[in-house]
Amino acid sequence: MADQILTQQYLNEIFEYRDGNLYWKKDYGRKCKSGTLAGTINLRGYIQIGYKRKNYMAHKLIFLMHHGYLPEIVDHIDNDRANNKIENLREATLLQNRWNSLKRSDNTSGIKGITWHKQVKKWYVRCHVDNKIYNLGCYEDMNEAKEILEKFRKEAHGEFANNG
């Protein structure tokens, strides 16, 4: 593939897709034997496939194999970077991909977009849309804050809404 342009046809010549995984169709060196699973999980949790001295992300190869083109971003609907079933992959923009992200590891409220405001002793709600931050208010009740946020996010982010 290094010298070959990636195409749907070319990928189907070297890989077999089965249930979210790619398998080698032919022997390619001592590690890549016909019928064996292609790729390993990298440090970021994605399945990466080495071929002809270059690394490729399995989810991008699978999307290209099924759709015949490669979009700007291939989004994992369920946020599982190792789940490369074609029904879990969709075309996205960078913003849509961010909307579908999980809550950050330093989140203390347990809900993406909600933080505790120490001065007023209420839950502060905000949401990002198209590089703008929308402040949705402060609430004493966490459930009310969560409802407000989820409703706003569903309208603003559509199918990419992810409450983390």
N, C-alpha and C. Protein backbone atom coordinates (compact mmCIF):
# COMPACT_ATOMS: atom_id res chain seq x y z
N MET A 1 0.81 -1.19 0.00
CA MET A 1 0.00 0.00 0.00
C MET A 1 0.86 1.26 0.00
N ALA A 2 2.11 1.15 0.41
CA ALA A 2 2.97 2.33 0.42
C ALA A 2 3.14 2.88 -0.98
N ASP A 3 3.34 1.98 -1.95
CA ASP A 3 3.50 2.41 -3.33
C ASP A 3 2.16 2.38 -4.07
N GLN A 4 1.20 1.74 -3.49
CA GLN A 4 -0.11 1.55 -4.08
C GLN A 4 -1.08 2.58 -3.51
N ILE A 5 -1.91 3.15 -4.36
CA ILE A 5 -2.94 4.06 -3.88
C ILE A 5 -4.02 3.22 -3.21
N LEU A 6 -4.41 3.64 -2.02
CA LEU A 6 -5.45 2.91 -1.30
C LEU A 6 -6.77 3.04 -2.03
N THR A 7 -7.31 1.91 -2.41
CA THR A 7 -8.63 1.88 -3.03
C THR A 7 -9.43 0.76 -2.41
N GLN A 8 -10.71 0.83 -2.60
CA GLN A 8 -11.60 -0.21 -2.12
C GLN A 8 -11.20 -1.56 -2.71
N GLN A 9 -10.93 -1.57 -4.00
CA GLN A 9 -10.56 -2.81 -4.68
C GLN A 9 -9.25 -3.38 -4.14
N TYR A 10 -8.24 -2.53 -3.96
CA TYR A 10 -6.94 -2.98 -3.48
C TYR A 10 -7.05 -3.57 -2.07
N LEU A 11 -7.80 -2.89 -1.19
CA LEU A 11 -7.96 -3.38 0.17
C LEU A 11 -8.67 -4.73 0.19
N ASN A 12 -9.64 -4.91 -0.69
CA ASN A 12 -10.35 -6.19 -0.76
C ASN A 12 -9.48 -7.31 -1.34
N GLU A 13 -8.40 -6.96 -2.00
CA GLU A 13 -7.46 -7.97 -2.50
C GLU A 13 -6.56 -8.49 -1.39
N ILE A 14 -6.24 -7.64 -0.42
CA ILE A 14 -5.30 -8.07 0.62
C ILE A 14 -5.95 -8.42 1.96
N PHE A 15 -7.17 -7.92 2.20
CA PHE A 15 -7.85 -8.18 3.47
C PHE A 15 -9.22 -8.82 3.26
N GLU A 16 -9.61 -9.59 4.26
CA GLU A 16 -10.98 -10.08 4.35
C GLU A 16 -11.57 -9.44 5.59
N TYR A 17 -12.74 -8.86 5.46
CA TYR A 17 -13.44 -8.25 6.59
C TYR A 17 -14.39 -9.27 7.19
N ARG A 18 -14.29 -9.46 8.51
CA ARG A 18 -15.21 -10.34 9.23
C ARG A 18 -15.51 -9.74 10.60
N ASP A 19 -16.76 -9.38 10.81
CA ASP A 19 -17.25 -8.97 12.13
C ASP A 19 -16.37 -7.90 12.80
N GLY A 20 -16.00 -6.88 12.06
CA GLY A 20 -15.24 -5.77 12.61
C GLY A 20 -13.73 -5.94 12.61
N ASN A 21 -13.25 -7.04 12.05
CA ASN A 21 -11.82 -7.29 12.00
C ASN A 21 -11.37 -7.53 10.56
N LEU A 22 -10.09 -7.28 10.34
CA LEU A 22 -9.49 -7.57 9.04
C LEU A 22 -8.55 -8.75 9.18
N TYR A 23 -8.60 -9.63 8.18
CA TYR A 23 -7.74 -10.82 8.14
C TYR A 23 -6.96 -10.81 6.84
N TRP A 24 -5.70 -11.23 6.91
CA TRP A 24 -4.85 -11.28 5.73
C TRP A 24 -5.38 -12.34 4.75
N LYS A 25 -5.41 -12.00 3.46
CA LYS A 25 -5.82 -12.98 2.44
C LYS A 25 -4.63 -13.78 1.92
N LYS A 26 -3.43 -13.19 2.02
CA LYS A 26 -2.21 -13.85 1.54
C LYS A 26 -1.14 -13.73 2.62
N ASP A 27 -0.04 -14.44 2.45
CA ASP A 27 1.11 -14.29 3.34
C ASP A 27 1.88 -13.03 2.94
N TYR A 28 2.17 -12.19 3.94
CA TYR A 28 2.98 -10.99 3.73
C TYR A 28 4.08 -10.99 4.79
N GLY A 29 5.12 -11.75 4.57
CA GLY A 29 6.20 -11.85 5.53
C GLY A 29 5.91 -12.89 6.60
N ARG A 30 6.80 -12.95 7.61
CA ARG A 30 6.69 -14.02 8.60
C ARG A 30 5.59 -13.77 9.62
N LYS A 31 5.17 -12.53 9.84
CA LYS A 31 4.15 -12.23 10.84
C LYS A 31 2.73 -12.20 10.26
N CYS A 32 2.61 -11.90 9.00
CA CYS A 32 1.30 -11.75 8.36
C CYS A 32 1.00 -12.96 7.51
N LYS A 33 0.36 -13.94 8.11
CA LYS A 33 0.04 -15.19 7.42
C LYS A 33 -1.42 -15.18 6.98
N SER A 34 -1.68 -15.81 5.87
CA SER A 34 -3.03 -15.91 5.32
C SER A 34 -4.00 -16.44 6.38
N GLY A 35 -5.12 -15.73 6.54
CA GLY A 35 -6.15 -16.16 7.48
C GLY A 35 -5.98 -15.64 8.89
N THR A 36 -4.86 -14.99 9.20
CA THR A 36 -4.64 -14.49 10.56
C THR A 36 -5.16 -13.06 10.70
N LEU A 37 -5.48 -12.71 11.93
CA LEU A 37 -5.98 -11.39 12.25
C LEU A 37 -4.90 -10.34 11.98
N ALA A 38 -5.29 -9.26 11.32
CA ALA A 38 -4.35 -8.18 11.01
C ALA A 38 -4.42 -7.11 12.09
N GLY A 39 -3.25 -6.65 12.52
CA GLY A 39 -3.19 -5.50 13.41
C GLY A 39 -3.02 -5.81 14.88
N THR A 40 -2.69 -4.75 15.61
CA THR A 40 -2.54 -4.78 17.07
C THR A 40 -3.15 -3.50 17.63
N ILE A 41 -3.49 -3.54 18.90
CA ILE A 41 -4.04 -2.34 19.54
C ILE A 41 -2.89 -1.43 19.94
N ASN A 42 -2.95 -0.16 19.50
CA ASN A 42 -1.88 0.78 19.84
C ASN A 42 -2.15 1.43 21.21
N LEU A 43 -1.28 2.32 21.63
CA LEU A 43 -1.38 2.93 22.96
C LEU A 43 -2.64 3.76 23.15
N ARG A 44 -3.22 4.24 22.07
CA ARG A 44 -4.44 5.06 22.16
C ARG A 44 -5.72 4.21 22.06
N GLY A 45 -5.56 2.89 21.91
CA GLY A 45 -6.72 2.00 21.89
C GLY A 45 -7.25 1.67 20.51
N TYR A 46 -6.62 2.20 19.46
CA TYR A 46 -7.04 1.91 18.09
C TYR A 46 -6.31 0.67 17.57
N ILE A 47 -6.94 -0.05 16.66
CA ILE A 47 -6.27 -1.17 16.01
C ILE A 47 -5.49 -0.60 14.83
N GLN A 48 -4.21 -0.93 14.82
CA GLN A 48 -3.27 -0.41 13.83
C GLN A 48 -2.68 -1.58 13.06
N ILE A 49 -2.58 -1.41 11.75
CA ILE A 49 -2.07 -2.48 10.90
C ILE A 49 -0.81 -2.00 10.18
N GLY A 50 0.27 -2.76 10.34
CA GLY A 50 1.51 -2.45 9.64
C GLY A 50 1.57 -3.23 8.33
N TYR A 51 1.86 -2.50 7.25
CA TYR A 51 1.96 -3.14 5.94
C TYR A 51 2.92 -2.33 5.08
N LYS A 52 3.92 -3.00 4.53
CA LYS A 52 4.93 -2.35 3.68
C LYS A 52 5.52 -1.11 4.35
N ARG A 53 5.95 -1.30 5.60
CA ARG A 53 6.66 -0.28 6.38
C ARG A 53 5.83 0.98 6.67
N LYS A 54 4.52 0.83 6.69
CA LYS A 54 3.65 1.94 7.03
C LYS A 54 2.53 1.42 7.92
N ASN A 55 2.06 2.28 8.83
CA ASN A 55 0.96 1.91 9.72
C ASN A 55 -0.34 2.54 9.26
N TYR A 56 -1.41 1.75 9.36
CA TYR A 56 -2.74 2.19 8.96
C TYR A 56 -3.72 1.90 10.08
N MET A 57 -4.69 2.78 10.25
CA MET A 57 -5.72 2.58 11.25
C MET A 57 -6.79 1.67 10.65
N ALA A 58 -7.11 0.59 11.34
CA ALA A 58 -8.05 -0.41 10.83
C ALA A 58 -9.42 0.19 10.54
N HIS A 59 -9.91 1.09 11.41
CA HIS A 59 -11.26 1.64 11.19
C HIS A 59 -11.33 2.44 9.89
N LYS A 60 -10.25 3.10 9.52
CA LYS A 60 -10.25 3.85 8.26
C LYS A 60 -10.21 2.90 7.06
N LEU A 61 -9.43 1.83 7.17
CA LEU A 61 -9.38 0.85 6.09
C LEU A 61 -10.74 0.17 5.90
N ILE A 62 -11.38 -0.17 7.00
CA ILE A 62 -12.69 -0.83 6.94
C ILE A 62 -13.74 0.10 6.33
N PHE A 63 -13.73 1.36 6.72
CA PHE A 63 -14.68 2.32 6.15
C PHE A 63 -14.46 2.43 4.64
N LEU A 64 -13.22 2.57 4.23
CA LEU A 64 -12.89 2.67 2.80
C LEU A 64 -13.29 1.40 2.04
N MET A 65 -13.07 0.24 2.64
CA MET A 65 -13.44 -1.02 2.01
C MET A 65 -14.95 -1.11 1.74
N HIS A 66 -15.74 -0.57 2.66
CA HIS A 66 -17.19 -0.68 2.54
C HIS A 66 -17.83 0.45 1.74
N HIS A 67 -17.27 1.63 1.80
CA HIS A 67 -17.91 2.80 1.18
C HIS A 67 -17.21 3.33 -0.06
N GLY A 68 -15.96 2.92 -0.27
CA GLY A 68 -15.24 3.35 -1.47
C GLY A 68 -14.63 4.74 -1.39
N TYR A 69 -14.71 5.39 -0.24
CA TYR A 69 -14.08 6.70 -0.05
C TYR A 69 -13.69 6.83 1.42
N LEU A 70 -12.82 7.79 1.70
CA LEU A 70 -12.36 8.02 3.07
C LEU A 70 -12.71 9.46 3.46
N PRO A 71 -13.60 9.63 4.44
CA PRO A 71 -13.99 10.98 4.88
C PRO A 71 -12.91 11.63 5.73
N GLU A 72 -13.15 12.89 6.09
CA GLU A 72 -12.23 13.64 6.95
C GLU A 72 -11.97 12.88 8.25
N ILE A 73 -13.04 12.43 8.88
CA ILE A 73 -12.95 11.71 10.16
C ILE A 73 -13.87 10.49 10.08
N VAL A 74 -13.40 9.37 10.64
CA VAL A 74 -14.24 8.19 10.81
C VAL A 74 -14.50 8.09 12.31
N ASP A 75 -15.78 8.23 12.70
CA ASP A 75 -16.20 8.27 14.09
C ASP A 75 -16.67 6.90 14.55
N HIS A 76 -16.26 6.49 15.75
CA HIS A 76 -16.77 5.27 16.38
C HIS A 76 -18.02 5.67 17.17
N ILE A 77 -19.18 5.24 16.74
CA ILE A 77 -20.44 5.64 17.35
C ILE A 77 -20.47 5.34 18.85
N ASP A 78 -20.00 4.16 19.25
CA ASP A 78 -20.05 3.76 20.66
C ASP A 78 -18.80 4.17 21.46
N ASN A 79 -17.90 4.91 20.84
CA ASN A 79 -16.66 5.39 21.46
C ASN A 79 -15.67 4.30 21.82
N ASP A 80 -15.91 3.07 21.38
CA ASP A 80 -14.96 1.97 21.60
C ASP A 80 -14.02 1.94 20.40
N ARG A 81 -12.80 2.40 20.60
CA ARG A 81 -11.84 2.54 19.50
C ARG A 81 -11.45 1.21 18.87
N ALA A 82 -11.70 0.11 19.56
CA ALA A 82 -11.36 -1.20 19.01
C ALA A 82 -12.57 -1.88 18.35
N ASN A 83 -13.75 -1.27 18.43
CA ASN A 83 -14.95 -1.83 17.81
C ASN A 83 -15.06 -1.28 16.39
N ASN A 84 -14.54 -2.04 15.44
CA ASN A 84 -14.51 -1.58 14.05
C ASN A 84 -15.56 -2.25 13.18
N LYS A 85 -16.67 -2.66 13.78
CA LYS A 85 -17.77 -3.18 12.97
C LYS A 85 -18.28 -2.03 12.12
N ILE A 86 -18.57 -2.31 10.86
CA ILE A 86 -18.94 -1.26 9.93
C ILE A 86 -20.16 -0.47 10.42
N GLU A 87 -21.09 -1.14 11.09
CA GLU A 87 -22.28 -0.44 11.60
C GLU A 87 -21.94 0.50 12.76
N ASN A 88 -20.74 0.41 13.32
CA ASN A 88 -20.30 1.31 14.39
C ASN A 88 -19.45 2.47 13.87
N LEU A 89 -19.20 2.50 12.57
CA LEU A 89 -18.36 3.55 11.98
C LEU A 89 -19.22 4.48 11.13
N ARG A 90 -18.94 5.78 11.24
CA ARG A 90 -19.67 6.76 10.43
C ARG A 90 -18.78 7.93 10.08
N GLU A 91 -19.14 8.58 9.00
CA GLU A 91 -18.44 9.79 8.56
C GLU A 91 -18.76 10.92 9.54
N ALA A 92 -17.75 11.74 9.84
CA ALA A 92 -17.96 12.87 10.75
C ALA A 92 -16.98 13.99 10.43
N THR A 93 -17.33 15.18 10.89
CA THR A 93 -16.39 16.29 10.87
C THR A 93 -15.64 16.26 12.21
N LEU A 94 -14.63 17.07 12.34
CA LEU A 94 -13.89 17.13 13.59
C LEU A 94 -14.81 17.55 14.74
N LEU A 95 -15.68 18.53 14.50
CA LEU A 95 -16.61 18.97 15.54
C LEU A 95 -17.58 17.87 15.94
N GLN A 96 -18.13 17.17 14.95
CA GLN A 96 -19.06 16.09 15.26
C GLN A 96 -18.37 14.99 16.06
N ASN A 97 -17.13 14.71 15.72
CA ASN A 97 -16.36 13.71 16.45
C ASN A 97 -16.15 14.14 17.91
N ARG A 98 -15.90 15.42 18.12
CA ARG A 98 -15.74 15.94 19.48
C ARG A 98 -17.06 15.88 20.26
N TRP A 99 -18.17 16.17 19.58
CA TRP A 99 -19.48 16.11 20.25
C TRP A 99 -19.75 14.70 20.75
N ASN A 100 -19.28 13.71 20.01
CA ASN A 100 -19.52 12.32 20.38
C ASN A 100 -18.50 11.79 21.39
N SER A 101 -17.66 12.64 21.92
CA SER A 101 -16.64 12.18 22.86
C SER A 101 -17.23 11.89 24.24
N LEU A 102 -16.49 11.12 25.02
CA LEU A 102 -16.88 10.82 26.39
C LEU A 102 -16.44 11.95 27.31
N LYS A 103 -16.89 11.91 28.55
CA LYS A 103 -16.47 12.94 29.50
C LYS A 103 -14.97 12.80 29.77
N ARG A 104 -14.36 13.90 30.14
CA ARG A 104 -12.93 13.92 30.42
C ARG A 104 -12.62 13.14 31.69
N SER A 105 -11.39 12.66 31.78
CA SER A 105 -10.99 11.86 32.94
C SER A 105 -10.95 12.69 34.22
N ASP A 106 -10.82 14.02 34.11
CA ASP A 106 -10.78 14.87 35.30
C ASP A 106 -12.16 15.43 35.67
N ASN A 107 -13.21 14.93 35.03
CA ASN A 107 -14.57 15.36 35.32
C ASN A 107 -14.96 14.92 36.73
N THR A 108 -15.48 15.84 37.53
CA THR A 108 -15.83 15.51 38.92
C THR A 108 -17.33 15.36 39.13
N SER A 109 -18.15 15.85 38.21
CA SER A 109 -19.60 15.75 38.38
C SER A 109 -20.13 14.41 37.89
N GLY A 110 -19.40 13.77 37.01
CA GLY A 110 -19.86 12.52 36.41
C GLY A 110 -20.64 12.74 35.12
N ILE A 111 -20.88 14.01 34.78
CA ILE A 111 -21.64 14.32 33.57
C ILE A 111 -20.88 15.38 32.77
N LYS A 112 -20.67 15.08 31.50
CA LYS A 112 -19.98 16.00 30.61
C LYS A 112 -20.78 17.31 30.48
N GLY A 113 -20.12 18.44 30.75
CA GLY A 113 -20.75 19.75 30.61
C GLY A 113 -21.33 20.31 31.89
N ILE A 114 -21.22 19.57 32.98
CA ILE A 114 -21.74 20.05 34.27
C ILE A 114 -20.60 20.10 35.29
N THR A 115 -20.47 21.25 35.93
CA THR A 115 -19.45 21.42 36.98
C THR A 115 -20.09 22.07 38.20
N TRP A 116 -19.45 21.90 39.33
CA TRP A 116 -19.93 22.51 40.57
C TRP A 116 -19.35 23.91 40.68
N HIS A 117 -20.23 24.91 40.85
CA HIS A 117 -19.82 26.31 41.00
C HIS A 117 -19.73 26.60 42.50
N LYS A 118 -18.51 26.71 43.03
CA LYS A 118 -18.29 26.83 44.47
C LYS A 118 -18.91 28.09 45.08
N GLN A 119 -18.79 29.24 44.37
CA GLN A 119 -19.28 30.50 44.93
C GLN A 119 -20.80 30.50 45.14
N VAL A 120 -21.54 30.00 44.16
CA VAL A 120 -23.00 30.03 44.27
C VAL A 120 -23.58 28.71 44.77
N LYS A 121 -22.72 27.72 44.92
CA LYS A 121 -23.11 26.39 45.42
C LYS A 121 -24.25 25.77 44.59
N LYS A 122 -24.03 25.79 43.28
CA LYS A 122 -25.00 25.22 42.33
C LYS A 122 -24.24 24.52 41.21
N TRP A 123 -24.98 23.69 40.47
CA TRP A 123 -24.42 23.01 39.30
C TRP A 123 -24.47 23.95 38.11
N TYR A 124 -23.32 24.16 37.49
CA TYR A 124 -23.18 25.07 36.36
C TYR A 124 -23.18 24.24 35.08
N VAL A 125 -24.02 24.64 34.12
CA VAL A 125 -24.20 23.86 32.89
C VAL A 125 -23.77 24.69 31.68
N ARG A 126 -22.95 24.06 30.83
CA ARG A 126 -22.56 24.71 29.58
C ARG A 126 -22.31 23.65 28.52
N CYS A 127 -22.39 24.10 27.25
CA CYS A 127 -22.24 23.17 26.14
C CYS A 127 -21.58 23.89 24.96
N HIS A 128 -20.72 23.18 24.26
CA HIS A 128 -20.03 23.73 23.09
C HIS A 128 -20.82 23.40 21.82
N VAL A 129 -21.00 24.42 20.98
CA VAL A 129 -21.62 24.23 19.66
C VAL A 129 -20.90 25.14 18.68
N ASP A 130 -20.35 24.55 17.63
CA ASP A 130 -19.68 25.32 16.57
C ASP A 130 -18.70 26.36 17.12
N ASN A 131 -17.81 25.91 17.98
CA ASN A 131 -16.75 26.73 18.57
C ASN A 131 -17.27 27.86 19.46
N LYS A 132 -18.50 27.76 19.92
CA LYS A 132 -19.07 28.71 20.87
C LYS A 132 -19.46 27.95 22.12
N ILE A 133 -19.34 28.63 23.26
CA ILE A 133 -19.76 28.03 24.52
C ILE A 133 -21.10 28.64 24.92
N TYR A 134 -22.08 27.79 25.14
CA TYR A 134 -23.40 28.23 25.57
C TYR A 134 -23.55 27.95 27.06
N ASN A 135 -23.74 29.02 27.85
CA ASN A 135 -23.96 28.89 29.28
C ASN A 135 -25.46 28.67 29.49
N LEU A 136 -25.81 27.54 30.08
CA LEU A 136 -27.22 27.16 30.22
C LEU A 136 -27.75 27.35 31.63
N GLY A 137 -26.97 27.99 32.48
CA GLY A 137 -27.45 28.34 33.80
C GLY A 137 -26.87 27.52 34.94
N CYS A 138 -27.30 27.90 36.15
CA CYS A 138 -26.88 27.23 37.37
C CYS A 138 -28.13 26.65 38.05
N TYR A 139 -27.99 25.44 38.59
CA TYR A 139 -29.13 24.72 39.13
C TYR A 139 -28.77 24.07 40.46
N GLU A 140 -29.70 24.11 41.39
CA GLU A 140 -29.49 23.46 42.68
C GLU A 140 -29.60 21.95 42.53
N ASP A 141 -30.50 21.52 41.67
CA ASP A 141 -30.77 20.10 41.48
C ASP A 141 -29.96 19.55 40.29
N MET A 142 -29.14 18.54 40.57
CA MET A 142 -28.32 17.92 39.52
C MET A 142 -29.18 17.33 38.40
N ASN A 143 -30.29 16.70 38.75
CA ASN A 143 -31.15 16.08 37.73
C ASN A 143 -31.74 17.13 36.79
N GLU A 144 -32.12 18.28 37.32
CA GLU A 144 -32.63 19.36 36.48
C GLU A 144 -31.54 19.86 35.53
N ALA A 145 -30.34 20.03 36.06
CA ALA A 145 -29.20 20.47 35.24
C ALA A 145 -28.94 19.47 34.11
N LYS A 146 -29.00 18.20 34.46
CA LYS A 146 -28.77 17.13 33.47
C LYS A 146 -29.84 17.15 32.39
N GLU A 147 -31.10 17.31 32.76
CA GLU A 147 -32.19 17.37 31.77
C GLU A 147 -32.03 18.53 30.81
N ILE A 148 -31.72 19.71 31.36
CA ILE A 148 -31.53 20.91 30.54
C ILE A 148 -30.41 20.67 29.53
N LEU A 149 -29.29 20.13 30.02
CA LEU A 149 -28.13 19.89 29.16
C LEU A 149 -28.44 18.86 28.08
N GLU A 150 -29.06 17.76 28.44
CA GLU A 150 -29.34 16.70 27.47
C GLU A 150 -30.29 17.18 26.38
N LYS A 151 -31.30 17.96 26.75
CA LYS A 151 -32.24 18.50 25.76
C LYS A 151 -31.51 19.44 24.79
N PHE A 152 -30.71 20.34 25.35
CA PHE A 152 -29.96 21.28 24.51
C PHE A 152 -29.00 20.52 23.58
N ARG A 153 -28.27 19.57 24.14
CA ARG A 153 -27.28 18.83 23.37
C ARG A 153 -27.94 18.03 22.23
N LYS A 154 -29.10 17.44 22.51
CA LYS A 154 -29.80 16.67 21.47
C LYS A 154 -30.19 17.57 20.30
N GLU A 155 -30.70 18.77 20.60
CA GLU A 155 -31.06 19.72 19.55
C GLU A 155 -29.84 20.23 18.80
N ALA A 156 -28.79 20.55 19.52
CA ALA A 156 -27.60 21.16 18.91
C ALA A 156 -26.70 20.16 18.19
N HIS A 157 -26.57 18.95 18.73
CA HIS A 157 -25.61 17.99 18.19
C HIS A 157 -26.26 16.87 17.39
N GLY A 158 -27.57 16.74 17.44
CA GLY A 158 -28.27 15.74 16.66
C GLY A 158 -27.80 14.32 16.97
N GLU A 159 -27.56 13.55 15.91
CA GLU A 159 -27.16 12.14 16.08
C GLU A 159 -25.79 11.99 16.75
N PHE A 160 -25.02 13.06 16.85
CA PHE A 160 -23.70 13.00 17.46
C PHE A 160 -23.74 13.40 18.95
N ALA A 161 -24.93 13.66 19.48
CA ALA A 161 -25.06 14.03 20.88
C ALA A 161 -24.60 12.87 21.77
N ASN A 162 -23.70 13.17 22.68
CA ASN A 162 -23.20 12.16 23.62
C ASN A 162 -23.08 12.84 24.97
N ASN A 163 -23.82 12.34 25.92
CA ASN A 163 -23.83 12.96 27.25
C ASN A 163 -22.73 12.42 28.16
N GLY A 164 -21.86 11.61 27.59
CA GLY A 164 -20.66 11.18 28.30
C GLY A 164 -20.86 10.11 29.31
